[in-house]
Each structure stands twice: as C-alpha cells, then as structure tokens.
Amino acid sequence: QVRDVIQACKAKKLPIRVGDTTANFASASTPGVSAHLNASRVFQFYNDVLTRRGVDDQGTYLDNMVNCISPEDEDPPQWGNAVWWKKKMWYGQAVKKKGTLRSVAASLDIIGHELTHGVTESTCNLVYRDESGALNESFSDIFGVIIANRVKGPAIYDNPDKWEWQVGVDLGEKGKPLRSMKSPKITGDPEHVNQMKDFDPADLEEDFGGVHTFSNIHNKAAYNLLTTRTGTRGSKTPLIFTPDEVAQIYYFTLQRLDRLANFEDVLETILDVVKTVYPVPKDQATKLGAVTAAYAAVGIPRK
C-alpha cells in the first residue's frame, strides 16, 4: 500500500528525493531530517549496546521515505502510520491539533519499533501471525521504548520509574497511545494469558490473529523485568538488570528463537541466555528468579 506514495508523487510531479543546494535539509524537508536523525539514534543504540552494524548487521544503507500515503487506509495526505517494508522505512503523517500534520518520523519510539522489525526479519524472522507474530510486535515495542528512553540521558534511563512506557503517544484513537507496556488496559488490551479468551477470534483475524493485541502480554512481562529491583524500597534499591542488560538479553534471545516461537519458548530461551551470560551461581540464581517471576506474573510459566 505504501507504494501509493510513489504513484502520487509521479502523478503530481513531486520530487521523490529531497535536495537543497545549501545542505540545509530542514528547510527542504523537516520530516526527512526527523527520519534521518531518529534512525541514526536507533543505529547508535544497536551499535553501542548490541554491537550490531545496522538493521541487517552488514552496515547496509537505510532509505527513509517520508510523507507517504495509503488511500486504502486513510484519505490523503493523512496516513498515521510507519512501516518497515521492502527493506526501507516508510512514514506517514498524523493530523494533530488545529488540523496540522506531523510526520510519524518525529516519534523515536516508532522508528525504533519499525527498524527492530528489520532486525527481527534478519535474525529469527518470526512468522507474523498468532503468538509468533505477537512476539514479533512485542520485541519491536520493547526496543522502541528502550531506545526512546535512553536518549533522555542517564537520569531517566537508569531509573525506569521515570520512563515513558507508552508506544506511539497520541497516535492511537481519541488521543490515546497505540499501546502501553506498563498498563495495556489503557488501550483495552490484555496483560495476562488468561485474558486471551476474552477476544473474539473473528475480530482478531484482520490483525493476523491478534499480533497487536496479544503482544501486550509479552510487553507487560518485559515491563516487569525492566522494573524488578533487589528490594521493596522503590528506586532506592538496585535493579536486578540494567536497561542495557535487558536489551542485550532480549537481543540474544531474538537470535536464538525458532520462527514459530510462542510465549513459553521465549521464556525458556531467555533463561538459557541468562545462564550463559551470568555464570556466577548466586548472581545467576537471582536473575533467573527475576525472569521467571516477571513472566509468571502475566501467566507465562516455565515448561
């Protein structure tokens, strides 16, 4: 559907590529600047924290397409969406207050989310349907949220109690976010496996079996893991895992999963990763317990 932007550009003789003789691209395309800046932040995270050379780990160049439209979804020029498609990034525009348009490329968490779809595609390539598809979406949410909070600096990043846990703030219906890792119920989504039965399979079919719905269960488990501390005195006690450590664990997990992995498969893989990364018995036991508890709280048990 995003191919419509190219067809529209050709029909109206609009430029496909942005150019400016002064190299001041802000005046030529503010959305283009936002897309490249935020994509570079995502690249920096994957490079610095996970030692990954771009989306495919081969240092391949990234193409950003901005001001995209999809008439089948929304009337142009609005298209409040972004997608990783054909190894490129495509960004639409969402209508904000007073009818103005704001490029989705300005949302770092969304760019982190979509580019992580590319990372997933080039690692375990989770099948985009049912639980494996929900995990595909969840990994993108997890990394998108981590990246968006990391750029705020250590004072925020090192204390998840201060994080913004919403995904796509103001991009959902009636000003709501698209999802919330902390409180999935904000958008009417489940946060426990037992709640999966409350959704009509027929209603979920258009979403490939509920990939954007059931992803919230795994999102909540990740939230639990990111906020688990050694004691009960709130932010005054150390985290069991630093945010960078959680990112590394999920990244190593992503590389080991089968394409049809389900929630329980992910938990078992994470536990295997923790055993490998943390070999000291006492430290390992503490971390394994934290992972098990974080997932048990959402109804995902050990096999």
C-alpha atoms as a PDB file:
ATOM      1  CA  GLN A   1       0.000   0.000   0.000  1.00  0.00           C
ATOM      2  CA  VAL A   2       2.844   2.425   0.680  1.00  0.00           C
ATOM      3  CA  ARG A   3       3.752   2.215  -2.972  1.00  0.00           C
ATOM      4  CA  ASP A   4       0.911   4.703  -3.426  1.00  0.00           C
ATOM      5  CA  VAL A   5       3.251   7.494  -2.336  1.00  0.00           C
ATOM      6  CA  ILE A   6       5.457   6.977  -5.394  1.00  0.00           C
ATOM      7  CA  GLN A   7       2.463   6.852  -7.706  1.00  0.00           C
ATOM      8  CA  ALA A   8       1.094  10.036  -6.143  1.00  0.00           C
ATOM      9  CA  CYS A   9       4.439  11.800  -6.476  1.00  0.00           C
ATOM     10  CA  LYS A  10       4.697  10.917 -10.138  1.00  0.00           C
ATOM     11  CA  ALA A  11       1.110  11.979 -10.824  1.00  0.00           C
ATOM     12  CA  LYS A  12       1.657  15.385  -9.212  1.00  0.00           C
ATOM     13  CA  LYS A  13       5.263  15.684 -10.425  1.00  0.00           C
ATOM     14  CA  LEU A  14       6.523  15.906  -6.861  1.00  0.00           C
ATOM     15  CA  PRO A  15      10.183  15.176  -6.080  1.00  0.00           C
ATOM     16  CA  ILE A  16      10.945  11.654  -4.943  1.00  0.00           C
ATOM     17  CA  ARG A  17      14.265  12.698  -3.420  1.00  0.00           C
ATOM     18  CA  VAL A  18      14.879  15.718  -1.216  1.00  0.00           C
ATOM     19  CA  GLY A  19      17.646  18.105  -2.204  1.00  0.00           C
ATOM     20  CA  ASP A  20      18.901  21.541  -1.180  1.00  0.00           C
ATOM     21  CA  THR A  21      21.836  23.479  -2.591  1.00  0.00           C
ATOM     22  CA  THR A  22      22.749  24.822   0.874  1.00  0.00           C
ATOM     23  CA  ALA A  23      22.666  21.378   2.524  1.00  0.00           C
ATOM     24  CA  ASN A  24      20.071  22.829   4.907  1.00  0.00           C
ATOM     25  CA  PHE A  25      17.624  19.987   4.592  1.00  0.00           C
ATOM     26  CA  ALA A  26      15.484  21.329   7.434  1.00  0.00           C
ATOM     27  CA  SER A  27      14.044  23.893   5.038  1.00  0.00           C
ATOM     28  CA  ALA A  28      13.587  21.293   2.305  1.00  0.00           C
ATOM     29  CA  SER A  29      12.063  18.500   4.381  1.00  0.00           C
ATOM     30  CA  THR A  30      11.595  18.672   8.132  1.00  0.00           C
ATOM     31  CA  PRO A  31      10.151  15.115   8.145  1.00  0.00           C
ATOM     32  CA  GLY A  32      13.232  13.937   6.255  1.00  0.00           C
ATOM     33  CA  VAL A  33      15.514  15.427   8.890  1.00  0.00           C
ATOM     34  CA  SER A  34      13.465  13.810  11.661  1.00  0.00           C
ATOM     35  CA  ALA A  35      13.617  10.438   9.922  1.00  0.00           C
ATOM     36  CA  HIS A  36      17.388  10.521   9.482  1.00  0.00           C
ATOM     37  CA  LEU A  37      18.083  11.893  12.962  1.00  0.00           C
ATOM     38  CA  ASN A  38      15.922   9.323  14.719  1.00  0.00           C
ATOM     39  CA  ALA A  39      17.155   6.483  12.514  1.00  0.00           C
ATOM     40  CA  SER A  40      20.713   7.456  13.456  1.00  0.00           C
ATOM     41  CA  ARG A  41      19.726   7.269  17.131  1.00  0.00           C
ATOM     42  CA  VAL A  42      18.403   3.769  16.591  1.00  0.00           C
ATOM     43  CA  PHE A  43      21.598   2.820  14.760  1.00  0.00           C
ATOM     44  CA  GLN A  44      23.673   4.272  17.611  1.00  0.00           C
ATOM     45  CA  PHE A  45      21.802   2.154  20.151  1.00  0.00           C
ATOM     46  CA  TYR A  46      22.232  -1.064  18.207  1.00  0.00           C
ATOM     47  CA  ASN A  47      25.886  -0.252  17.552  1.00  0.00           C
ATOM     48  CA  ASP A  48      26.850   0.850  21.078  1.00  0.00           C
ATOM     49  CA  VAL A  49      24.736  -1.502  23.211  1.00  0.00           C
ATOM     50  CA  LEU A  50      24.377  -4.568  20.990  1.00  0.00           C
ATOM     51  CA  THR A  51      27.398  -4.264  18.660  1.00  0.00           C
ATOM     52  CA  ARG A  52      25.156  -4.582  15.619  1.00  0.00           C
ATOM     53  CA  ARG A  53      26.040  -2.838  12.356  1.00  0.00           C
ATOM     54  CA  GLY A  54      22.653  -1.553  11.301  1.00  0.00           C
ATOM     55  CA  VAL A  55      19.414  -3.360  10.594  1.00  0.00           C
ATOM     56  CA  ASP A  56      20.978  -6.326   8.796  1.00  0.00           C
ATOM     57  CA  ASP A  57      24.295  -6.262  10.736  1.00  0.00           C
ATOM     58  CA  GLN A  58      26.047  -5.679   7.412  1.00  0.00           C
ATOM     59  CA  GLY A  59      26.165  -1.887   7.519  1.00  0.00           C
ATOM     60  CA  THR A  60      23.698  -1.574   4.628  1.00  0.00           C
ATOM     61  CA  TYR A  61      22.427   1.929   3.886  1.00  0.00           C
ATOM     62  CA  LEU A  62      18.932   2.809   5.067  1.00  0.00           C
ATOM     63  CA  ASP A  63      16.392   4.561   2.837  1.00  0.00           C
ATOM     64  CA  ASN A  64      13.786   6.736   4.593  1.00  0.00           C
ATOM     65  CA  MET A  65      10.600   7.589   2.697  1.00  0.00           C
ATOM     66  CA  VAL A  66       8.567  10.395   4.269  1.00  0.00           C
ATOM     67  CA  ASN A  67       5.113  11.938   3.699  1.00  0.00           C
ATOM     68  CA  CYS A  68       3.779   8.594   2.496  1.00  0.00           C
ATOM     69  CA  ILE A  69       0.091   7.990   1.862  1.00  0.00           C
ATOM     70  CA  SER A  70      -2.138   4.940   1.652  1.00  0.00           C
ATOM     71  CA  PRO A  71      -5.604   5.842   0.319  1.00  0.00           C
ATOM     72  CA  GLU A  72      -6.933   2.400   1.186  1.00  0.00           C
ATOM     73  CA  ASP A  73      -6.298   3.170   4.873  1.00  0.00           C
ATOM     74  CA  GLU A  74      -6.866   6.927   5.192  1.00  0.00           C
ATOM     75  CA  ASP A  75      -7.675   9.888   2.989  1.00  0.00           C
ATOM     76  CA  PRO A  76      -4.503  11.674   1.833  1.00  0.00           C
ATOM     77  CA  PRO A  77      -2.462  13.495   2.905  1.00  0.00           C
ATOM     78  CA  GLN A  78      -3.005  11.809   6.271  1.00  0.00           C
ATOM     79  CA  TRP A  79      -1.571   8.361   6.968  1.00  0.00           C
ATOM     80  CA  GLY A  80      -0.805   7.996  10.663  1.00  0.00           C
ATOM     81  CA  ASN A  81       1.453   5.012  10.246  1.00  0.00           C
ATOM     82  CA  ALA A  82       5.004   3.875   9.616  1.00  0.00           C
ATOM     83  CA  VAL A  83       6.221   0.543   8.277  1.00  0.00           C
ATOM     84  CA  TRP A  84       9.358  -1.425   7.539  1.00  0.00           C
ATOM     85  CA  TRP A  85       8.657  -2.713   4.018  1.00  0.00           C
ATOM     86  CA  LYS A  86      10.924  -3.965   1.254  1.00  0.00           C
ATOM     87  CA  LYS A  87      13.943  -3.132   3.432  1.00  0.00           C
ATOM     88  CA  LYS A  88      13.043   0.551   3.550  1.00  0.00           C
ATOM     89  CA  MET A  89      11.329   2.809   6.078  1.00  0.00           C
ATOM     90  CA  TRP A  90       8.063   4.477   5.094  1.00  0.00           C
ATOM     91  CA  TYR A  91       6.494   7.246   7.214  1.00  0.00           C
ATOM     92  CA  GLY A  92       3.095   8.859   7.012  1.00  0.00           C
ATOM     93  CA  GLN A  93       1.699  11.968   8.665  1.00  0.00           C
ATOM     94  CA  ALA A  94      -0.791  12.176  11.515  1.00  0.00           C
ATOM     95  CA  VAL A  95      -3.242  15.029  11.965  1.00  0.00           C
ATOM     96  CA  LYS A  96      -2.541  16.930  15.182  1.00  0.00           C
ATOM     97  CA  LYS A  97      -4.320  19.838  16.858  1.00  0.00           C
ATOM     98  CA  LYS A  98      -5.840  22.501  14.598  1.00  0.00           C
ATOM     99  CA  GLY A  99      -5.580  20.159  11.633  1.00  0.00           C
ATOM    100  CA  THR A 100      -1.818  20.418  11.218  1.00  0.00           C
ATOM    101  CA  LEU A 101       0.168  17.419  10.007  1.00  0.00           C
ATOM    102  CA  ARG A 102       3.037  15.915  11.971  1.00  0.00           C
ATOM    103  CA  SER A 103       5.294  13.285  10.476  1.00  0.00           C
ATOM    104  CA  VAL A 104       5.368   9.962  12.282  1.00  0.00           C
ATOM    105  CA  ALA A 105       9.127  10.137  11.707  1.00  0.00           C
ATOM    106  CA  ALA A 106       9.268  12.542  14.658  1.00  0.00           C
ATOM    107  CA  SER A 107       8.403   9.668  17.026  1.00  0.00           C
ATOM    108  CA  LEU A 108      11.643   7.947  18.013  1.00  0.00           C
ATOM    109  CA  ASP A 109       9.880   5.016  19.679  1.00  0.00           C
ATOM    110  CA  ILE A 110       8.015   4.304  16.435  1.00  0.00           C
ATOM    111  CA  ILE A 111      11.228   4.391  14.390  1.00  0.00           C
ATOM    112  CA  GLY A 112      12.902   2.116  16.922  1.00  0.00           C
ATOM    113  CA  HIS A 113       9.891  -0.188  16.704  1.00  0.00           C
ATOM    114  CA  GLU A 114       9.834  -0.383  12.918  1.00  0.00           C
ATOM    115  CA  LEU A 115      13.579  -0.778  12.446  1.00  0.00           C
ATOM    116  CA  THR A 116      13.525  -3.588  15.003  1.00  0.00           C
ATOM    117  CA  HIS A 117      11.109  -5.375  12.665  1.00  0.00           C
ATOM    118  CA  GLY A 118      14.019  -5.280  10.235  1.00  0.00           C
ATOM    119  CA  VAL A 119      16.360  -6.711  12.870  1.00  0.00           C
ATOM    120  CA  THR A 120      13.861  -9.489  13.604  1.00  0.00           C
ATOM    121  CA  GLU A 121      13.498 -10.162   9.892  1.00  0.00           C
ATOM    122  CA  SER A 122      17.247 -10.685   9.529  1.00  0.00           C
ATOM    123  CA  THR A 123      17.633 -12.803  12.685  1.00  0.00           C
ATOM    124  CA  CYS A 124      14.935 -15.327  13.659  1.00  0.00           C
ATOM    125  CA  ASN A 125      12.337 -13.880  11.234  1.00  0.00           C
ATOM    126  CA  LEU A 126       9.350 -14.627  13.484  1.00  0.00           C
ATOM    127  CA  VAL A 127       6.273 -15.615  11.478  1.00  0.00           C
ATOM    128  CA  TYR A 128       3.872 -12.676  11.516  1.00  0.00           C
ATOM    129  CA  ARG A 129       0.838 -14.485  12.861  1.00  0.00           C
ATOM    130  CA  ASP A 130      -0.663 -15.572  16.201  1.00  0.00           C
ATOM    131  CA  GLU A 131       1.812 -15.857  19.110  1.00  0.00           C
ATOM    132  CA  SER A 132       4.954 -15.694  16.982  1.00  0.00           C
ATOM    133  CA  GLY A 133       3.541 -12.566  15.322  1.00  0.00           C
ATOM    134  CA  ALA A 134       2.655 -11.114  18.714  1.00  0.00           C
ATOM    135  CA  LEU A 135       6.258 -11.682  19.782  1.00  0.00           C
ATOM    136  CA  ASN A 136       7.428 -10.007  16.572  1.00  0.00           C
ATOM    137  CA  GLU A 137       5.416  -6.932  17.545  1.00  0.00           C
ATOM    138  CA  SER A 138       6.443  -7.103  21.196  1.00  0.00           C
ATOM    139  CA  PHE A 139      10.183  -7.179  20.507  1.00  0.00           C
ATOM    140  CA  SER A 140       9.714  -4.053  18.395  1.00  0.00           C
ATOM    141  CA  ASP A 141       7.810  -2.321  21.204  1.00  0.00           C
ATOM    142  CA  ILE A 142      10.434  -3.314  23.776  1.00  0.00           C
ATOM    143  CA  PHE A 143      13.377  -1.975  21.809  1.00  0.00           C
ATOM    144  CA  GLY A 144      11.454   1.101  20.664  1.00  0.00           C
ATOM    145  CA  VAL A 145      10.664   2.058  24.262  1.00  0.00           C
ATOM    146  CA  ILE A 146      14.189   1.320  25.497  1.00  0.00           C
ATOM    147  CA  ILE A 147      15.744   3.442  22.738  1.00  0.00           C
ATOM    148  CA  ALA A 148      13.330   6.357  23.249  1.00  0.00           C
ATOM    149  CA  ASN A 149      14.107   6.485  26.964  1.00  0.00           C
ATOM    150  CA  ARG A 150      17.855   6.000  26.528  1.00  0.00           C
ATOM    151  CA  VAL A 151      18.281   9.245  24.586  1.00  0.00           C
ATOM    152  CA  LYS A 152      16.875  11.164  27.561  1.00  0.00           C
ATOM    153  CA  GLY A 153      20.106  10.642  29.459  1.00  0.00           C
ATOM    154  CA  PRO A 154      21.230   8.626  32.488  1.00  0.00           C
ATOM    155  CA  ALA A 155      18.989  10.420  34.990  1.00  0.00           C
ATOM    156  CA  ILE A 156      15.950   8.986  33.198  1.00  0.00           C
ATOM    157  CA  TYR A 157      17.381   5.878  31.581  1.00  0.00           C
ATOM    158  CA  ASP A 158      18.886   4.454  34.751  1.00  0.00           C
ATOM    159  CA  ASN A 159      15.587   4.770  36.605  1.00  0.00           C
ATOM    160  CA  PRO A 160      12.706   3.049  34.747  1.00  0.00           C
ATOM    161  CA  ASP A 161      10.301   4.531  37.299  1.00  0.00           C
ATOM    162  CA  LYS A 162      10.674   7.753  35.281  1.00  0.00           C
ATOM    163  CA  TRP A 163      10.239   6.175  31.851  1.00  0.00           C
ATOM    164  CA  GLU A 164       7.594   6.879  29.259  1.00  0.00           C
ATOM    165  CA  TRP A 165       6.062   3.453  28.721  1.00  0.00           C
ATOM    166  CA  GLN A 166       3.513   4.391  26.083  1.00  0.00           C
ATOM    167  CA  VAL A 167       4.121   3.436  22.472  1.00  0.00           C
ATOM    168  CA  GLY A 168       3.014   5.952  19.862  1.00  0.00           C
ATOM    169  CA  VAL A 169       1.842   8.660  22.242  1.00  0.00           C
ATOM    170  CA  ASP A 170      -1.231  10.408  20.757  1.00  0.00           C
ATOM    171  CA  LEU A 171      -1.155   8.175  17.670  1.00  0.00           C
ATOM    172  CA  GLY A 172      -3.990   5.908  18.811  1.00  0.00           C
ATOM    173  CA  GLU A 173      -7.727   6.502  18.730  1.00  0.00           C
ATOM    174  CA  LYS A 174      -9.088   9.588  20.518  1.00  0.00           C
ATOM    175  CA  GLY A 175      -5.642  10.802  21.510  1.00  0.00           C
ATOM    176  CA  LYS A 176      -4.657   7.571  23.229  1.00  0.00           C
ATOM    177  CA  PRO A 177      -1.331   5.818  22.635  1.00  0.00           C
ATOM    178  CA  LEU A 178      -1.105   2.820  20.364  1.00  0.00           C
ATOM    179  CA  ARG A 179      -0.074   0.648  23.319  1.00  0.00           C
ATOM    180  CA  SER A 180       1.254   0.899  26.871  1.00  0.00           C
ATOM    181  CA  MET A 181       3.809  -1.557  28.191  1.00  0.00           C
ATOM    182  CA  LYS A 182       3.041  -0.560  31.766  1.00  0.00           C
ATOM    183  CA  SER A 183      -0.745  -0.524  31.531  1.00  0.00           C
ATOM    184  CA  PRO A 184      -2.095  -2.393  28.474  1.00  0.00           C
ATOM    185  CA  LYS A 185      -5.637  -1.878  29.782  1.00  0.00           C
ATOM    186  CA  ILE A 186      -5.362   1.797  28.761  1.00  0.00           C
ATOM    187  CA  THR A 187      -5.962   0.672  25.183  1.00  0.00           C
ATOM    188  CA  GLY A 188      -8.220  -2.241  26.100  1.00  0.00           C
ATOM    189  CA  ASP A 189      -5.502  -4.828  25.560  1.00  0.00           C
ATOM    190  CA  PRO A 190      -4.704  -7.915  27.674  1.00  0.00           C
ATOM    191  CA  GLU A 191      -1.852  -8.114  30.158  1.00  0.00           C
ATOM    192  CA  HIS A 192      -2.285 -11.759  31.169  1.00  0.00           C
ATOM    193  CA  VAL A 193      -2.559 -15.002  29.215  1.00  0.00           C
ATOM    194  CA  ASN A 194      -5.912 -15.752  30.861  1.00  0.00           C
ATOM    195  CA  GLN A 195      -7.378 -12.685  29.127  1.00  0.00           C
ATOM    196  CA  MET A 196      -6.708 -14.060  25.639  1.00  0.00           C
ATOM    197  CA  LYS A 197     -10.016 -15.923  25.755  1.00  0.00           C
ATOM    198  CA  ASP A 198     -11.901 -12.626  26.088  1.00  0.00           C
ATOM    199  CA  PHE A 199     -11.268 -11.699  22.453  1.00  0.00           C
ATOM    200  CA  ASP A 200     -13.340 -12.943  19.536  1.00  0.00           C
ATOM    201  CA  PRO A 201     -11.089 -14.796  17.061  1.00  0.00           C
ATOM    202  CA  ALA A 202     -13.128 -13.359  14.190  1.00  0.00           C
ATOM    203  CA  ASP A 203     -12.316  -9.823  15.354  1.00  0.00           C
ATOM    204  CA  LEU A 204      -8.618 -10.666  15.562  1.00  0.00           C
ATOM    205  CA  GLU A 205      -8.362 -12.201  12.113  1.00  0.00           C
ATOM    206  CA  GLU A 206      -7.776  -8.896  10.336  1.00  0.00           C
ATOM    207  CA  ASP A 207      -4.760  -8.418  12.614  1.00  0.00           C
ATOM    208  CA  PHE A 208      -3.159 -11.749  11.697  1.00  0.00           C
ATOM    209  CA  GLY A 209      -4.565 -13.457  14.749  1.00  0.00           C
ATOM    210  CA  GLY A 210      -4.144 -10.518  17.115  1.00  0.00           C
ATOM    211  CA  VAL A 211      -0.456  -9.652  16.761  1.00  0.00           C
ATOM    212  CA  HIS A 212      -1.034  -6.089  18.026  1.00  0.00           C
ATOM    213  CA  THR A 213      -3.317  -7.324  20.799  1.00  0.00           C
ATOM    214  CA  PHE A 214      -1.543 -10.286  22.360  1.00  0.00           C
ATOM    215  CA  SER A 215       1.834  -8.585  22.028  1.00  0.00           C
ATOM    216  CA  ASN A 216       0.784  -6.608  25.095  1.00  0.00           C
ATOM    217  CA  ILE A 217       1.046  -9.718  27.279  1.00  0.00           C
ATOM    218  CA  HIS A 218       4.727 -10.107  26.462  1.00  0.00           C
ATOM    219  CA  ASN A 219       5.175  -6.333  26.702  1.00  0.00           C
ATOM    220  CA  LYS A 220       3.921  -6.468  30.280  1.00  0.00           C
ATOM    221  CA  ALA A 221       6.379  -9.268  31.095  1.00  0.00           C
ATOM    222  CA  ALA A 222       9.197  -7.115  29.700  1.00  0.00           C
ATOM    223  CA  TYR A 223       7.975  -4.154  31.767  1.00  0.00           C
ATOM    224  CA  ASN A 224       8.070  -6.373  34.856  1.00  0.00           C
ATOM    225  CA  LEU A 225      11.625  -7.436  34.038  1.00  0.00           C
ATOM    226  CA  LEU A 226      12.843  -3.888  33.375  1.00  0.00           C
ATOM    227  CA  THR A 227      11.468  -2.634  36.698  1.00  0.00           C
ATOM    228  CA  THR A 228      12.358  -5.562  39.006  1.00  0.00           C
ATOM    229  CA  ARG A 229      14.572  -4.484  41.895  1.00  0.00           C
ATOM    230  CA  THR A 230      16.529  -6.245  44.624  1.00  0.00           C
ATOM    231  CA  GLY A 231      14.285  -4.894  47.389  1.00  0.00           C
ATOM    232  CA  THR A 232      10.963  -3.225  48.081  1.00  0.00           C
ATOM    233  CA  ARG A 233      12.142   0.354  48.659  1.00  0.00           C
ATOM    234  CA  GLY A 234      11.350   1.616  45.186  1.00  0.00           C
ATOM    235  CA  SER A 235      14.039   3.439  43.215  1.00  0.00           C
ATOM    236  CA  LYS A 236      16.409   3.407  46.211  1.00  0.00           C
ATOM    237  CA  THR A 237      17.210  -0.272  45.631  1.00  0.00           C
ATOM    238  CA  PRO A 238      19.232  -1.548  42.653  1.00  0.00           C
ATOM    239  CA  LEU A 239      17.638  -3.012  39.558  1.00  0.00           C
ATOM    240  CA  ILE A 240      18.148  -6.735  39.016  1.00  0.00           C
ATOM    241  CA  PHE A 241      19.049  -5.932  35.408  1.00  0.00           C
ATOM    242  CA  THR A 242      20.146  -2.582  33.998  1.00  0.00           C
ATOM    243  CA  PRO A 243      18.187  -1.470  30.909  1.00  0.00           C
ATOM    244  CA  ASP A 244      21.210  -2.215  28.720  1.00  0.00           C
ATOM    245  CA  GLU A 245      21.368  -5.723  30.176  1.00  0.00           C
ATOM    246  CA  VAL A 246      17.692  -6.321  29.441  1.00  0.00           C
ATOM    247  CA  ALA A 247      18.241  -5.118  25.874  1.00  0.00           C
ATOM    248  CA  GLN A 248      21.176  -7.494  25.467  1.00  0.00           C
ATOM    249  CA  ILE A 249      19.214 -10.440  26.877  1.00  0.00           C
ATOM    250  CA  TYR A 250      16.310  -9.845  24.519  1.00  0.00           C
ATOM    251  CA  TYR A 251      18.674  -9.360  21.592  1.00  0.00           C
ATOM    252  CA  PHE A 252      20.484 -12.643  22.283  1.00  0.00           C
ATOM    253  CA  THR A 253      17.078 -14.286  22.677  1.00  0.00           C
ATOM    254  CA  LEU A 254      15.913 -12.921  19.330  1.00  0.00           C
ATOM    255  CA  GLN A 255      18.888 -14.542  17.636  1.00  0.00           C
ATOM    256  CA  ARG A 256      18.094 -17.970  19.093  1.00  0.00           C
ATOM    257  CA  LEU A 257      14.340 -18.259  18.557  1.00  0.00           C
ATOM    258  CA  ASP A 258      12.555 -20.527  16.117  1.00  0.00           C
ATOM    259  CA  ARG A 259      10.342 -18.781  13.556  1.00  0.00           C
ATOM    260  CA  LEU A 260       7.200 -20.198  15.178  1.00  0.00           C
ATOM    261  CA  ALA A 261       8.212 -19.477  18.768  1.00  0.00           C
ATOM    262  CA  ASN A 262       5.480 -18.915  21.347  1.00  0.00           C
ATOM    263  CA  PHE A 263       5.483 -17.190  24.740  1.00  0.00           C
ATOM    264  CA  GLU A 264       6.812 -20.218  26.625  1.00  0.00           C
ATOM    265  CA  ASP A 265       9.580 -20.678  24.062  1.00  0.00           C
ATOM    266  CA  VAL A 266      10.730 -17.118  24.667  1.00  0.00           C
ATOM    267  CA  LEU A 267      10.843 -17.607  28.426  1.00  0.00           C
ATOM    268  CA  GLU A 268      12.909 -20.788  28.118  1.00  0.00           C
ATOM    269  CA  THR A 269      15.274 -19.090  25.674  1.00  0.00           C
ATOM    270  CA  ILE A 270      15.739 -16.094  27.974  1.00  0.00           C
ATOM    271  CA  LEU A 271      16.549 -18.410  30.874  1.00  0.00           C
ATOM    272  CA  ASP A 272      19.163 -20.161  28.712  1.00  0.00           C
ATOM    273  CA  VAL A 273      20.650 -16.797  27.761  1.00  0.00           C
ATOM    274  CA  VAL A 274      20.838 -15.707  31.403  1.00  0.00           C
ATOM    275  CA  LYS A 275      22.622 -18.939  32.320  1.00  0.00           C
ATOM    276  CA  THR A 276      25.195 -18.223  29.616  1.00  0.00           C
ATOM    277  CA  VAL A 277      25.707 -14.524  30.341  1.00  0.00           C
ATOM    278  CA  TYR A 278      25.746 -14.778  34.152  1.00  0.00           C
ATOM    279  CA  PRO A 279      27.740 -17.889  35.163  1.00  0.00           C
ATOM    280  CA  VAL A 280      28.322 -16.953  38.835  1.00  0.00           C
ATOM    281  CA  PRO A 281      25.851 -19.204  40.744  1.00  0.00           C
ATOM    282  CA  LYS A 282      24.451 -16.686  43.260  1.00  0.00           C
ATOM    283  CA  ASP A 283      24.054 -13.889  40.714  1.00  0.00           C
ATOM    284  CA  GLN A 284      22.619 -16.316  38.171  1.00  0.00           C
ATOM    285  CA  ALA A 285      20.030 -17.643  40.608  1.00  0.00           C
ATOM    286  CA  THR A 286      18.833 -14.127  41.430  1.00  0.00           C
ATOM    287  CA  LYS A 287      18.485 -13.195  37.778  1.00  0.00           C
ATOM    288  CA  LEU A 288      16.777 -16.445  36.807  1.00  0.00           C
ATOM    289  CA  GLY A 289      14.298 -15.898  39.616  1.00  0.00           C
ATOM    290  CA  ALA A 290      13.571 -12.363  38.387  1.00  0.00           C
ATOM    291  CA  VAL A 291      12.908 -13.563  34.840  1.00  0.00           C
ATOM    292  CA  THR A 292      10.687 -16.409  35.999  1.00  0.00           C
ATOM    293  CA  ALA A 293       8.660 -14.099  38.268  1.00  0.00           C
ATOM    294  CA  ALA A 294       8.288 -11.413  35.572  1.00  0.00           C
ATOM    295  CA  TYR A 295       6.786 -13.931  33.159  1.00  0.00           C
ATOM    296  CA  ALA A 296       4.748 -15.831  35.742  1.00  0.00           C
ATOM    297  CA  ALA A 297       3.005 -12.544  36.620  1.00  0.00           C
ATOM    298  CA  VAL A 298       1.477 -12.483  33.134  1.00  0.00           C
ATOM    299  CA  GLY A 299       0.656 -16.204  33.069  1.00  0.00           C
ATOM    300  CA  ILE A 300       3.664 -17.466  31.101  1.00  0.00           C
ATOM    301  CA  PRO A 301       5.069 -20.461  33.023  1.00  0.00           C
ATOM    302  CA  ARG A 302       8.271 -22.405  32.670  1.00  0.00           C
ATOM    303  CA  LYS A 303       7.916 -25.597  30.654  1.00  0.00           C
END
